[in-house]
Amino acid sequence: MVNLPAPGHRVVVRYRLPSGQATDALGELLSADAETVVVDGKRGVERIAVADIIAAKEVPPPPPRR
């Protein structure tokens, strides 16, 4: 399993699409279990299969808006 922080932290998750290409989900980690990681980002809530994840890590909060 991928080493992720507790829910509520901001994360980036790189995962494979069905086409074989990779993409990133950036946002708040809502939940993570042995099968699925759920991230709430700008594209909405993304449910990602753990088997599709390439890499994941905690990231700092976004910069303040000007």
N, C-alpha and C. Protein backbone atom coordinates (compact mmCIF):
# COMPACT_ATOMS: atom_id res chain seq x y z
N MET A 1 0.84 -1.19 0.00
CA MET A 1 0.00 0.00 0.00
C MET A 1 0.88 1.24 0.00
N VAL A 2 0.36 2.30 -0.56
CA VAL A 2 1.04 3.58 -0.63
C VAL A 2 1.04 4.22 0.76
N ASN A 3 2.15 4.86 1.11
CA ASN A 3 2.26 5.52 2.41
C ASN A 3 1.68 6.93 2.30
N LEU A 4 0.50 7.14 2.86
CA LEU A 4 -0.19 8.42 2.81
C LEU A 4 -0.41 8.98 4.21
N PRO A 5 -0.55 10.31 4.34
CA PRO A 5 -0.86 10.89 5.64
C PRO A 5 -2.31 10.60 6.01
N ALA A 6 -2.69 11.07 7.17
CA ALA A 6 -4.08 10.91 7.63
C ALA A 6 -5.01 11.75 6.77
N PRO A 7 -6.27 11.32 6.66
CA PRO A 7 -7.26 12.14 5.93
C PRO A 7 -7.27 13.57 6.46
N GLY A 8 -7.54 14.51 5.55
CA GLY A 8 -7.56 15.92 5.91
C GLY A 8 -6.32 16.66 5.43
N HIS A 9 -5.26 15.93 5.08
CA HIS A 9 -4.04 16.55 4.58
C HIS A 9 -4.11 16.69 3.06
N ARG A 10 -3.33 17.63 2.52
CA ARG A 10 -3.25 17.85 1.08
C ARG A 10 -2.23 16.88 0.50
N VAL A 11 -2.60 16.21 -0.59
CA VAL A 11 -1.74 15.21 -1.21
C VAL A 11 -1.73 15.36 -2.72
N VAL A 12 -0.73 14.76 -3.34
CA VAL A 12 -0.72 14.56 -4.78
C VAL A 12 -0.56 13.06 -5.00
N VAL A 13 -1.40 12.52 -5.87
CA VAL A 13 -1.38 11.08 -6.18
C VAL A 13 -1.22 10.93 -7.69
N ARG A 14 -0.16 10.28 -8.11
CA ARG A 14 0.04 9.98 -9.53
C ARG A 14 -0.46 8.57 -9.78
N TYR A 15 -1.32 8.42 -10.79
CA TYR A 15 -1.90 7.10 -11.07
C TYR A 15 -2.09 6.91 -12.57
N ARG A 16 -2.25 5.64 -12.95
CA ARG A 16 -2.42 5.27 -14.36
C ARG A 16 -3.90 5.31 -14.75
N LEU A 17 -4.14 5.86 -15.92
CA LEU A 17 -5.47 5.84 -16.52
C LEU A 17 -5.63 4.52 -17.28
N PRO A 18 -6.86 4.15 -17.65
CA PRO A 18 -7.06 2.92 -18.43
C PRO A 18 -6.27 2.91 -19.75
N SER A 19 -5.97 4.09 -20.30
CA SER A 19 -5.20 4.18 -21.55
C SER A 19 -3.72 3.89 -21.34
N GLY A 20 -3.28 3.84 -20.08
CA GLY A 20 -1.87 3.61 -19.79
C GLY A 20 -1.11 4.88 -19.46
N GLN A 21 -1.71 6.04 -19.78
CA GLN A 21 -1.08 7.31 -19.44
C GLN A 21 -1.20 7.56 -17.94
N ALA A 22 -0.33 8.44 -17.43
CA ALA A 22 -0.37 8.79 -16.02
C ALA A 22 -0.96 10.18 -15.84
N THR A 23 -1.63 10.40 -14.73
CA THR A 23 -2.18 11.70 -14.39
C THR A 23 -2.06 11.88 -12.89
N ASP A 24 -2.29 13.11 -12.42
CA ASP A 24 -2.19 13.43 -11.00
C ASP A 24 -3.52 13.88 -10.44
N ALA A 25 -3.77 13.53 -9.19
CA ALA A 25 -4.89 14.06 -8.43
C ALA A 25 -4.28 14.87 -7.30
N LEU A 26 -4.61 16.16 -7.21
CA LEU A 26 -4.07 17.05 -6.20
C LEU A 26 -5.23 17.61 -5.39
N GLY A 27 -5.18 17.41 -4.07
CA GLY A 27 -6.24 17.93 -3.23
C GLY A 27 -6.21 17.31 -1.85
N GLU A 28 -7.32 17.47 -1.15
CA GLU A 28 -7.43 16.95 0.22
C GLU A 28 -7.72 15.45 0.20
N LEU A 29 -6.97 14.72 0.98
CA LEU A 29 -7.20 13.29 1.13
C LEU A 29 -8.44 13.09 1.99
N LEU A 30 -9.48 12.49 1.41
CA LEU A 30 -10.72 12.24 2.15
C LEU A 30 -10.68 10.90 2.87
N SER A 31 -10.15 9.88 2.20
CA SER A 31 -10.05 8.56 2.82
C SER A 31 -9.07 7.70 2.03
N ALA A 32 -8.59 6.66 2.70
CA ALA A 32 -7.70 5.70 2.06
C ALA A 32 -7.85 4.37 2.77
N ASP A 33 -8.01 3.30 1.98
CA ASP A 33 -8.03 1.96 2.55
C ASP A 33 -7.19 1.06 1.64
N ALA A 34 -7.27 -0.23 1.82
CA ALA A 34 -6.44 -1.17 1.07
C ALA A 34 -6.77 -1.20 -0.42
N GLU A 35 -7.95 -0.71 -0.81
CA GLU A 35 -8.37 -0.79 -2.21
C GLU A 35 -8.51 0.54 -2.92
N THR A 36 -8.89 1.61 -2.19
CA THR A 36 -9.23 2.88 -2.82
C THR A 36 -8.69 4.06 -2.03
N VAL A 37 -8.23 5.07 -2.77
CA VAL A 37 -7.84 6.36 -2.20
C VAL A 37 -8.80 7.39 -2.77
N VAL A 38 -9.34 8.29 -1.92
CA VAL A 38 -10.29 9.29 -2.35
C VAL A 38 -9.70 10.68 -2.10
N VAL A 39 -9.58 11.47 -3.18
CA VAL A 39 -8.99 12.81 -3.12
C VAL A 39 -10.02 13.82 -3.63
N ASP A 40 -10.20 14.91 -2.89
CA ASP A 40 -11.10 15.99 -3.30
C ASP A 40 -10.26 17.15 -3.81
N GLY A 41 -10.26 17.36 -5.12
CA GLY A 41 -9.46 18.42 -5.73
C GLY A 41 -10.28 19.30 -6.64
N LYS A 42 -9.60 20.07 -7.48
CA LYS A 42 -10.29 21.00 -8.39
C LYS A 42 -11.19 20.29 -9.39
N ARG A 43 -10.86 19.03 -9.73
CA ARG A 43 -11.69 18.27 -10.67
C ARG A 43 -12.82 17.53 -9.98
N GLY A 44 -12.97 17.77 -8.69
CA GLY A 44 -14.01 17.08 -7.93
C GLY A 44 -13.42 15.91 -7.15
N VAL A 45 -14.28 15.08 -6.64
CA VAL A 45 -13.85 13.93 -5.85
C VAL A 45 -13.40 12.82 -6.81
N GLU A 46 -12.17 12.35 -6.62
CA GLU A 46 -11.61 11.29 -7.45
C GLU A 46 -11.38 10.06 -6.60
N ARG A 47 -11.93 8.94 -7.05
CA ARG A 47 -11.71 7.65 -6.39
C ARG A 47 -10.68 6.89 -7.21
N ILE A 48 -9.56 6.57 -6.58
CA ILE A 48 -8.43 5.98 -7.29
C ILE A 48 -8.14 4.60 -6.72
N ALA A 49 -8.08 3.60 -7.57
CA ALA A 49 -7.74 2.25 -7.13
C ALA A 49 -6.27 2.22 -6.72
N VAL A 50 -5.99 1.63 -5.57
CA VAL A 50 -4.61 1.55 -5.07
C VAL A 50 -3.71 0.84 -6.09
N ALA A 51 -4.23 -0.14 -6.80
CA ALA A 51 -3.44 -0.87 -7.80
C ALA A 51 -2.98 0.03 -8.94
N ASP A 52 -3.66 1.16 -9.18
CA ASP A 52 -3.30 2.08 -10.27
C ASP A 52 -2.32 3.16 -9.83
N ILE A 53 -2.04 3.28 -8.54
CA ILE A 53 -1.20 4.36 -8.03
C ILE A 53 0.27 4.08 -8.32
N ILE A 54 0.94 5.08 -8.86
CA ILE A 54 2.37 5.01 -9.15
C ILE A 54 3.15 5.61 -7.97
N ALA A 55 2.70 6.78 -7.49
CA ALA A 55 3.38 7.48 -6.39
C ALA A 55 2.37 8.38 -5.70
N ALA A 56 2.65 8.70 -4.44
CA ALA A 56 1.79 9.60 -3.69
C ALA A 56 2.59 10.22 -2.56
N LYS A 57 2.27 11.47 -2.24
CA LYS A 57 2.95 12.12 -1.12
C LYS A 57 2.12 13.30 -0.63
N GLU A 58 2.41 13.71 0.61
CA GLU A 58 1.80 14.90 1.18
C GLU A 58 2.48 16.12 0.57
N VAL A 59 1.71 17.18 0.33
CA VAL A 59 2.25 18.43 -0.22
C VAL A 59 1.81 19.59 0.67
N PRO A 60 2.54 20.71 0.62
CA PRO A 60 2.17 21.85 1.45
C PRO A 60 0.86 22.48 0.99
N PRO A 61 0.25 23.30 1.84
CA PRO A 61 -0.99 23.97 1.44
C PRO A 61 -0.76 24.87 0.23
N PRO A 62 -1.83 25.18 -0.49
CA PRO A 62 -1.66 26.05 -1.66
C PRO A 62 -1.26 27.46 -1.21
N PRO A 63 -0.58 28.21 -2.09
CA PRO A 63 -0.23 29.59 -1.73
C PRO A 63 -1.49 30.44 -1.59
N PRO A 64 -1.43 31.47 -0.75
CA PRO A 64 -2.62 32.33 -0.60
C PRO A 64 -2.92 33.08 -1.89
N ARG A 65 -4.20 33.34 -2.11
CA ARG A 65 -4.62 34.10 -3.29
C ARG A 65 -4.20 35.55 -3.12
N ARG A 66 -3.89 36.21 -4.21
CA ARG A 66 -3.49 37.62 -4.15
C ARG A 66 -4.68 38.50 -4.27
